[in-house]
């Protein structure tokens, strides 16, 4: 993920996003590719990955695993030279919250994504229970990372993100959340991981919006 010219994002890759790429040997576009953490995992699985970032230093690192790399401002959509119907998967992992007006970008994604291709979206959930508590206390602490990242221009709930994708002409395939059981730092000492995961799944069945730390979608392109 990378949407600020002055910030360099490095991590081990969003496993929840990577796991939604169900095929190998496919063409993937990683929008906001950062230094290539997601692309590195996908190429090691036998996929062909292109990436877009706004940072030259990030692209220098990501290009080691990319087929093609682009420097581009996503507020303007995607580069016009990108061919239509090129990709089997397109990924926006923690990208859309940085875009003031995502309509152009979403329309361009539909153009370059194959019919029945998958668009994978990960977003932070502003209504996660910890963030709700902070807002109830009147706290909105601007930070360098996390939900209050100073480069975030939009905030999404589970339903508002889903409605945005539907309005853009995509068909919902997967709509879920990821995270951990409340008080997991304590419960991990008394409950096995399998039990904690089962309890978390029960809670997210009750309310994805309340217990989901990350919003996660995989949607089909319909042309």
C-alpha atoms as a PDB file:
ATOM      1  CA  UNK A   1       0.000   0.000   0.000  1.00  0.00           C
ATOM      2  CA  UNK A   2       1.404   3.395  -0.901  1.00  0.00           C
ATOM      3  CA  UNK A   3      -0.358   6.623  -1.639  1.00  0.00           C
ATOM      4  CA  UNK A   4       1.908   9.315  -0.217  1.00  0.00           C
ATOM      5  CA  UNK A   5       5.021  10.542  -1.973  1.00  0.00           C
ATOM      6  CA  UNK A   6       6.716  11.083   1.389  1.00  0.00           C
ATOM      7  CA  UNK A   7       5.933   7.763   3.052  1.00  0.00           C
ATOM      8  CA  UNK A   8       7.490   4.371   2.361  1.00  0.00           C
ATOM      9  CA  UNK A   9       5.393   1.368   3.318  1.00  0.00           C
ATOM     10  CA  UNK A  10       7.137  -1.886   4.090  1.00  0.00           C
ATOM     11  CA  UNK A  11       5.502  -4.979   5.570  1.00  0.00           C
ATOM     12  CA  UNK A  12       5.390  -8.726   5.115  1.00  0.00           C
ATOM     13  CA  UNK A  13       2.313  -8.593   2.876  1.00  0.00           C
ATOM     14  CA  UNK A  14      -1.387  -8.691   3.653  1.00  0.00           C
ATOM     15  CA  UNK A  15      -1.970 -12.431   4.036  1.00  0.00           C
ATOM     16  CA  UNK A  16      -5.754 -12.056   4.016  1.00  0.00           C
ATOM     17  CA  UNK A  17      -5.547 -10.363   0.614  1.00  0.00           C
ATOM     18  CA  UNK A  18      -3.004 -12.792  -0.795  1.00  0.00           C
ATOM     19  CA  UNK A  19      -5.194 -15.740   0.200  1.00  0.00           C
ATOM     20  CA  UNK A  20      -8.020 -14.390  -1.979  1.00  0.00           C
ATOM     21  CA  UNK A  21      -5.918 -14.900  -5.111  1.00  0.00           C
ATOM     22  CA  UNK A  22      -7.168 -18.423  -5.681  1.00  0.00           C
ATOM     23  CA  UNK A  23      -5.265 -19.260  -8.864  1.00  0.00           C
ATOM     24  CA  UNK A  24      -1.657 -19.481  -9.996  1.00  0.00           C
ATOM     25  CA  UNK A  25      -0.179 -18.401 -13.301  1.00  0.00           C
ATOM     26  CA  UNK A  26      -2.553 -15.422 -13.523  1.00  0.00           C
ATOM     27  CA  UNK A  27      -1.996 -11.727 -14.190  1.00  0.00           C
ATOM     28  CA  UNK A  28      -2.363  -9.472 -11.160  1.00  0.00           C
ATOM     29  CA  UNK A  29      -2.318  -5.693 -10.811  1.00  0.00           C
ATOM     30  CA  UNK A  30      -1.273  -4.508  -7.352  1.00  0.00           C
ATOM     31  CA  UNK A  31      -2.502  -0.929  -6.988  1.00  0.00           C
ATOM     32  CA  UNK A  32      -0.548   0.902  -4.299  1.00  0.00           C
ATOM     33  CA  UNK A  33       2.103  -1.816  -4.387  1.00  0.00           C
ATOM     34  CA  UNK A  34       4.452  -0.170  -1.904  1.00  0.00           C
ATOM     35  CA  UNK A  35       7.845  -1.824  -1.849  1.00  0.00           C
ATOM     36  CA  UNK A  36       6.414  -5.048  -3.285  1.00  0.00           C
ATOM     37  CA  UNK A  37       5.469  -7.116  -0.241  1.00  0.00           C
ATOM     38  CA  UNK A  38       2.268  -8.511  -1.781  1.00  0.00           C
ATOM     39  CA  UNK A  39       3.813  -8.836  -5.252  1.00  0.00           C
ATOM     40  CA  UNK A  40       6.729 -10.775  -3.811  1.00  0.00           C
ATOM     41  CA  UNK A  41       4.406 -13.409  -2.382  1.00  0.00           C
ATOM     42  CA  UNK A  42       2.277 -13.606  -5.515  1.00  0.00           C
ATOM     43  CA  UNK A  43       5.211 -13.955  -7.901  1.00  0.00           C
ATOM     44  CA  UNK A  44       6.691 -16.686  -5.716  1.00  0.00           C
ATOM     45  CA  UNK A  45       3.387 -18.511  -6.240  1.00  0.00           C
ATOM     46  CA  UNK A  46       3.858 -18.349 -10.014  1.00  0.00           C
ATOM     47  CA  UNK A  47       1.776 -15.285 -10.859  1.00  0.00           C
ATOM     48  CA  UNK A  48       2.648 -12.316 -13.086  1.00  0.00           C
ATOM     49  CA  UNK A  49       2.342  -9.040 -11.191  1.00  0.00           C
ATOM     50  CA  UNK A  50       2.316  -5.403 -12.281  1.00  0.00           C
ATOM     51  CA  UNK A  51       2.321  -2.619  -9.708  1.00  0.00           C
ATOM     52  CA  UNK A  52       1.512   1.054  -9.273  1.00  0.00           C
ATOM     53  CA  UNK A  53       2.874   3.461  -6.676  1.00  0.00           C
ATOM     54  CA  UNK A  54       3.477   7.177  -6.412  1.00  0.00           C
ATOM     55  CA  UNK A  55       6.920   6.731  -4.841  1.00  0.00           C
ATOM     56  CA  UNK A  56      10.054   6.350  -6.958  1.00  0.00           C
ATOM     57  CA  UNK A  57      11.980   4.802  -4.068  1.00  0.00           C
ATOM     58  CA  UNK A  58       9.262   2.210  -3.507  1.00  0.00           C
ATOM     59  CA  UNK A  59       9.107   1.342  -7.179  1.00  0.00           C
ATOM     60  CA  UNK A  60      12.863   0.814  -7.242  1.00  0.00           C
ATOM     61  CA  UNK A  61      12.437  -1.932  -4.649  1.00  0.00           C
ATOM     62  CA  UNK A  62       9.150  -3.368  -5.957  1.00  0.00           C
ATOM     63  CA  UNK A  63      10.481  -3.575  -9.525  1.00  0.00           C
ATOM     64  CA  UNK A  64      12.647  -6.511  -8.443  1.00  0.00           C
ATOM     65  CA  UNK A  65       9.501  -8.679  -8.493  1.00  0.00           C
ATOM     66  CA  UNK A  66       7.208  -6.768 -10.877  1.00  0.00           C
ATOM     67  CA  UNK A  67       6.762  -7.386 -14.585  1.00  0.00           C
ATOM     68  CA  UNK A  68       5.831  -3.729 -15.098  1.00  0.00           C
ATOM     69  CA  UNK A  69       5.895  -0.881 -12.617  1.00  0.00           C
ATOM     70  CA  UNK A  70       4.146   2.485 -12.910  1.00  0.00           C
ATOM     71  CA  UNK A  71       4.515   5.809 -11.123  1.00  0.00           C
ATOM     72  CA  UNK A  72       1.069   7.358 -11.114  1.00  0.00           C
ATOM     73  CA  UNK A  73      -1.304   9.515  -9.052  1.00  0.00           C
ATOM     74  CA  UNK A  74      -4.356   7.326  -8.444  1.00  0.00           C
ATOM     75  CA  UNK A  75      -6.604  10.364  -8.038  1.00  0.00           C
ATOM     76  CA  UNK A  76      -6.396  10.425 -11.850  1.00  0.00           C
ATOM     77  CA  UNK A  77      -7.398   6.771 -12.183  1.00  0.00           C
ATOM     78  CA  UNK A  78      -5.005   4.378 -13.922  1.00  0.00           C
ATOM     79  CA  UNK A  79      -2.410   5.064 -16.635  1.00  0.00           C
ATOM     80  CA  UNK A  80      -4.141   5.354 -20.014  1.00  0.00           C
ATOM     81  CA  UNK A  81      -1.621   3.021 -21.668  1.00  0.00           C
ATOM     82  CA  UNK A  82      -2.752   0.077 -19.572  1.00  0.00           C
ATOM     83  CA  UNK A  83      -4.640  -2.306 -21.899  1.00  0.00           C
ATOM     84  CA  UNK A  84      -8.280  -3.255 -21.365  1.00  0.00           C
ATOM     85  CA  UNK A  85      -9.184  -6.719 -20.102  1.00  0.00           C
ATOM     86  CA  UNK A  86      -5.586  -7.387 -19.040  1.00  0.00           C
ATOM     87  CA  UNK A  87      -5.835  -8.705 -15.486  1.00  0.00           C
ATOM     88  CA  UNK A  88      -7.373 -11.709 -13.766  1.00  0.00           C
ATOM     89  CA  UNK A  89      -7.022 -10.053 -10.357  1.00  0.00           C
ATOM     90  CA  UNK A  90      -6.651  -6.464  -9.236  1.00  0.00           C
ATOM     91  CA  UNK A  91      -5.726  -5.634  -5.645  1.00  0.00           C
ATOM     92  CA  UNK A  92      -6.332  -2.455  -3.638  1.00  0.00           C
ATOM     93  CA  UNK A  93      -4.978  -3.259  -0.189  1.00  0.00           C
ATOM     94  CA  UNK A  94      -5.495  -0.218   2.053  1.00  0.00           C
ATOM     95  CA  UNK A  95      -5.571   2.175  -0.871  1.00  0.00           C
ATOM     96  CA  UNK A  96      -9.082   3.542  -1.382  1.00  0.00           C
ATOM     97  CA  UNK A  97      -9.121   5.342   1.974  1.00  0.00           C
ATOM     98  CA  UNK A  98      -6.349   7.553   0.561  1.00  0.00           C
ATOM     99  CA  UNK A  99      -8.354   8.563  -2.527  1.00  0.00           C
ATOM    100  CA  UNK A 100     -10.590  11.628  -2.277  1.00  0.00           C
ATOM    101  CA  UNK A 101     -12.702  10.760  -5.327  1.00  0.00           C
ATOM    102  CA  UNK A 102     -12.430   7.009  -6.097  1.00  0.00           C
ATOM    103  CA  UNK A 103     -15.016   6.921  -8.908  1.00  0.00           C
ATOM    104  CA  UNK A 104     -12.469   7.437 -11.719  1.00  0.00           C
ATOM    105  CA  UNK A 105     -10.122   4.810 -10.296  1.00  0.00           C
ATOM    106  CA  UNK A 106     -12.934   2.265  -9.897  1.00  0.00           C
ATOM    107  CA  UNK A 107     -14.106   2.864 -13.472  1.00  0.00           C
ATOM    108  CA  UNK A 108     -10.566   2.340 -14.785  1.00  0.00           C
ATOM    109  CA  UNK A 109     -10.244  -0.834 -12.726  1.00  0.00           C
ATOM    110  CA  UNK A 110     -13.331  -2.212 -14.448  1.00  0.00           C
ATOM    111  CA  UNK A 111     -11.756  -1.380 -17.804  1.00  0.00           C
ATOM    112  CA  UNK A 112      -8.481  -3.239 -17.266  1.00  0.00           C
ATOM    113  CA  UNK A 113      -9.949  -6.151 -15.290  1.00  0.00           C
ATOM    114  CA  UNK A 114     -11.146  -9.122 -17.310  1.00  0.00           C
ATOM    115  CA  UNK A 115     -14.826  -9.989 -17.389  1.00  0.00           C
ATOM    116  CA  UNK A 116     -15.455 -12.222 -14.367  1.00  0.00           C
ATOM    117  CA  UNK A 117     -12.067 -11.144 -12.993  1.00  0.00           C
ATOM    118  CA  UNK A 118     -11.712 -10.514  -9.270  1.00  0.00           C
ATOM    119  CA  UNK A 119     -11.175  -7.129  -7.630  1.00  0.00           C
ATOM    120  CA  UNK A 120      -9.826  -7.556  -4.077  1.00  0.00           C
ATOM    121  CA  UNK A 121     -10.239  -4.669  -1.641  1.00  0.00           C
ATOM    122  CA  UNK A 122      -8.964  -4.299   1.924  1.00  0.00           C
ATOM    123  CA  UNK A 123      -9.853  -1.266   4.042  1.00  0.00           C
ATOM    124  CA  UNK A 124      -9.547  -0.203   7.676  1.00  0.00           C
ATOM    125  CA  UNK A 125     -12.878  -0.228   9.514  1.00  0.00           C
ATOM    126  CA  UNK A 126     -13.627   3.097  11.181  1.00  0.00           C
ATOM    127  CA  UNK A 127     -16.410   1.445  13.225  1.00  0.00           C
ATOM    128  CA  UNK A 128     -14.210  -1.218  14.820  1.00  0.00           C
ATOM    129  CA  UNK A 129     -15.133  -1.274  18.518  1.00  0.00           C
ATOM    130  CA  UNK A 130     -11.837   0.277  19.662  1.00  0.00           C
ATOM    131  CA  UNK A 131     -12.231   3.186  17.253  1.00  0.00           C
ATOM    132  CA  UNK A 132     -15.868   3.691  18.264  1.00  0.00           C
ATOM    133  CA  UNK A 133     -14.742   4.049  21.859  1.00  0.00           C
ATOM    134  CA  UNK A 134     -12.127   6.610  20.883  1.00  0.00           C
ATOM    135  CA  UNK A 135     -14.713   8.616  18.948  1.00  0.00           C
ATOM    136  CA  UNK A 136     -17.168   8.432  21.856  1.00  0.00           C
ATOM    137  CA  UNK A 137     -14.465   9.961  24.045  1.00  0.00           C
ATOM    138  CA  UNK A 138     -14.040  12.736  21.504  1.00  0.00           C
ATOM    139  CA  UNK A 139     -10.636  11.515  20.363  1.00  0.00           C
ATOM    140  CA  UNK A 140      -9.407  11.832  16.777  1.00  0.00           C
ATOM    141  CA  UNK A 141      -5.663  11.516  17.079  1.00  0.00           C
ATOM    142  CA  UNK A 142      -3.937  12.140  13.761  1.00  0.00           C
ATOM    143  CA  UNK A 143      -1.089   9.652  13.366  1.00  0.00           C
ATOM    144  CA  UNK A 144       1.525   8.406  10.919  1.00  0.00           C
ATOM    145  CA  UNK A 145      -0.201   5.027  10.525  1.00  0.00           C
ATOM    146  CA  UNK A 146      -3.361   3.157  11.462  1.00  0.00           C
ATOM    147  CA  UNK A 147      -6.948   4.313  11.146  1.00  0.00           C
ATOM    148  CA  UNK A 148      -6.064   7.929  11.947  1.00  0.00           C
ATOM    149  CA  UNK A 149      -3.255   8.065   9.365  1.00  0.00           C
ATOM    150  CA  UNK A 150      -2.952  11.686   8.279  1.00  0.00           C
ATOM    151  CA  UNK A 151      -3.029  10.626   4.605  1.00  0.00           C
ATOM    152  CA  UNK A 152      -6.495   9.043   4.945  1.00  0.00           C
ATOM    153  CA  UNK A 153      -9.105  11.085   3.107  1.00  0.00           C
ATOM    154  CA  UNK A 154     -12.075   8.731   3.491  1.00  0.00           C
ATOM    155  CA  UNK A 155     -13.366   6.378   6.175  1.00  0.00           C
ATOM    156  CA  UNK A 156     -15.486   3.326   5.430  1.00  0.00           C
ATOM    157  CA  UNK A 157     -17.910   1.099   7.286  1.00  0.00           C
ATOM    158  CA  UNK A 158     -18.619  -2.498   6.295  1.00  0.00           C
ATOM    159  CA  UNK A 159     -21.831  -1.500   4.509  1.00  0.00           C
ATOM    160  CA  UNK A 160     -20.663   1.770   2.946  1.00  0.00           C
ATOM    161  CA  UNK A 161     -17.676   0.063   1.296  1.00  0.00           C
ATOM    162  CA  UNK A 162     -19.879  -2.735   0.010  1.00  0.00           C
ATOM    163  CA  UNK A 163     -22.380  -0.254  -1.417  1.00  0.00           C
ATOM    164  CA  UNK A 164     -19.586   1.675  -3.144  1.00  0.00           C
ATOM    165  CA  UNK A 165     -18.422  -1.500  -4.898  1.00  0.00           C
ATOM    166  CA  UNK A 166     -21.944  -2.451  -5.918  1.00  0.00           C
ATOM    167  CA  UNK A 167     -22.629   1.057  -7.232  1.00  0.00           C
ATOM    168  CA  UNK A 168     -19.456   0.810  -9.322  1.00  0.00           C
ATOM    169  CA  UNK A 169     -20.850  -2.261 -11.103  1.00  0.00           C
ATOM    170  CA  UNK A 170     -19.114  -5.098  -9.274  1.00  0.00           C
ATOM    171  CA  UNK A 171     -20.832  -8.218  -7.958  1.00  0.00           C
ATOM    172  CA  UNK A 172     -20.032  -9.239  -4.392  1.00  0.00           C
ATOM    173  CA  UNK A 173     -18.278 -12.603  -4.100  1.00  0.00           C
ATOM    174  CA  UNK A 174     -16.716 -12.274  -0.641  1.00  0.00           C
ATOM    175  CA  UNK A 175     -17.610  -9.628   1.958  1.00  0.00           C
ATOM    176  CA  UNK A 176     -16.066 -10.248   5.342  1.00  0.00           C
ATOM    177  CA  UNK A 177     -13.817  -8.828   8.033  1.00  0.00           C
ATOM    178  CA  UNK A 178     -10.627  -9.909   9.751  1.00  0.00           C
ATOM    179  CA  UNK A 179      -9.258  -9.231  13.192  1.00  0.00           C
ATOM    180  CA  UNK A 180      -8.878 -10.786  16.607  1.00  0.00           C
ATOM    181  CA  UNK A 181     -11.052 -11.584  19.591  1.00  0.00           C
ATOM    182  CA  UNK A 182     -11.368  -8.703  22.087  1.00  0.00           C
ATOM    183  CA  UNK A 183      -8.840  -8.990  24.913  1.00  0.00           C
ATOM    184  CA  UNK A 184      -6.862 -11.464  22.796  1.00  0.00           C
ATOM    185  CA  UNK A 185      -3.626 -10.379  24.485  1.00  0.00           C
ATOM    186  CA  UNK A 186      -4.995 -11.907  27.691  1.00  0.00           C
ATOM    187  CA  UNK A 187      -7.123 -14.703  26.270  1.00  0.00           C
ATOM    188  CA  UNK A 188      -4.225 -16.178  24.314  1.00  0.00           C
ATOM    189  CA  UNK A 189      -2.832 -17.445  27.618  1.00  0.00           C
ATOM    190  CA  UNK A 190      -6.018 -19.302  28.594  1.00  0.00           C
ATOM    191  CA  UNK A 191      -7.696 -20.305  25.330  1.00  0.00           C
ATOM    192  CA  UNK A 192      -6.282 -22.288  22.398  1.00  0.00           C
ATOM    193  CA  UNK A 193      -6.015 -20.410  19.107  1.00  0.00           C
ATOM    194  CA  UNK A 194      -8.714 -22.604  17.526  1.00  0.00           C
ATOM    195  CA  UNK A 195     -11.198 -21.673  20.276  1.00  0.00           C
ATOM    196  CA  UNK A 196     -10.344 -17.985  20.014  1.00  0.00           C
ATOM    197  CA  UNK A 197     -10.857 -18.124  16.265  1.00  0.00           C
ATOM    198  CA  UNK A 198     -14.208 -19.883  16.668  1.00  0.00           C
ATOM    199  CA  UNK A 199     -15.391 -17.271  19.181  1.00  0.00           C
ATOM    200  CA  UNK A 200     -14.235 -14.467  16.901  1.00  0.00           C
ATOM    201  CA  UNK A 201     -16.186 -15.967  13.999  1.00  0.00           C
ATOM    202  CA  UNK A 202     -19.289 -16.030  16.187  1.00  0.00           C
ATOM    203  CA  UNK A 203     -18.851 -12.368  17.103  1.00  0.00           C
ATOM    204  CA  UNK A 204     -18.385 -11.283  13.482  1.00  0.00           C
ATOM    205  CA  UNK A 205     -21.526 -13.188  12.566  1.00  0.00           C
ATOM    206  CA  UNK A 206     -23.343 -11.012  15.092  1.00  0.00           C
ATOM    207  CA  UNK A 207     -21.733  -7.785  13.853  1.00  0.00           C
ATOM    208  CA  UNK A 208     -18.989  -7.526  11.244  1.00  0.00           C
ATOM    209  CA  UNK A 209     -18.983  -3.762  11.587  1.00  0.00           C
ATOM    210  CA  UNK A 210     -18.330  -3.821  15.332  1.00  0.00           C
ATOM    211  CA  UNK A 211     -15.729  -6.591  15.588  1.00  0.00           C
ATOM    212  CA  UNK A 212     -13.938  -6.351  12.231  1.00  0.00           C
ATOM    213  CA  UNK A 213     -10.574  -4.608  12.272  1.00  0.00           C
ATOM    214  CA  UNK A 214     -10.090  -4.926   8.500  1.00  0.00           C
ATOM    215  CA  UNK A 215     -12.830  -4.858   5.859  1.00  0.00           C
ATOM    216  CA  UNK A 216     -12.192  -7.408   3.130  1.00  0.00           C
ATOM    217  CA  UNK A 217     -13.971  -7.884  -0.215  1.00  0.00           C
ATOM    218  CA  UNK A 218     -13.521  -9.889  -3.375  1.00  0.00           C
ATOM    219  CA  UNK A 219     -15.884  -8.777  -6.112  1.00  0.00           C
ATOM    220  CA  UNK A 220     -16.470  -9.939  -9.667  1.00  0.00           C
ATOM    221  CA  UNK A 221     -16.250  -7.698 -12.690  1.00  0.00           C
ATOM    222  CA  UNK A 222     -19.429  -7.758 -14.751  1.00  0.00           C
ATOM    223  CA  UNK A 223     -19.247  -6.278 -18.257  1.00  0.00           C
END
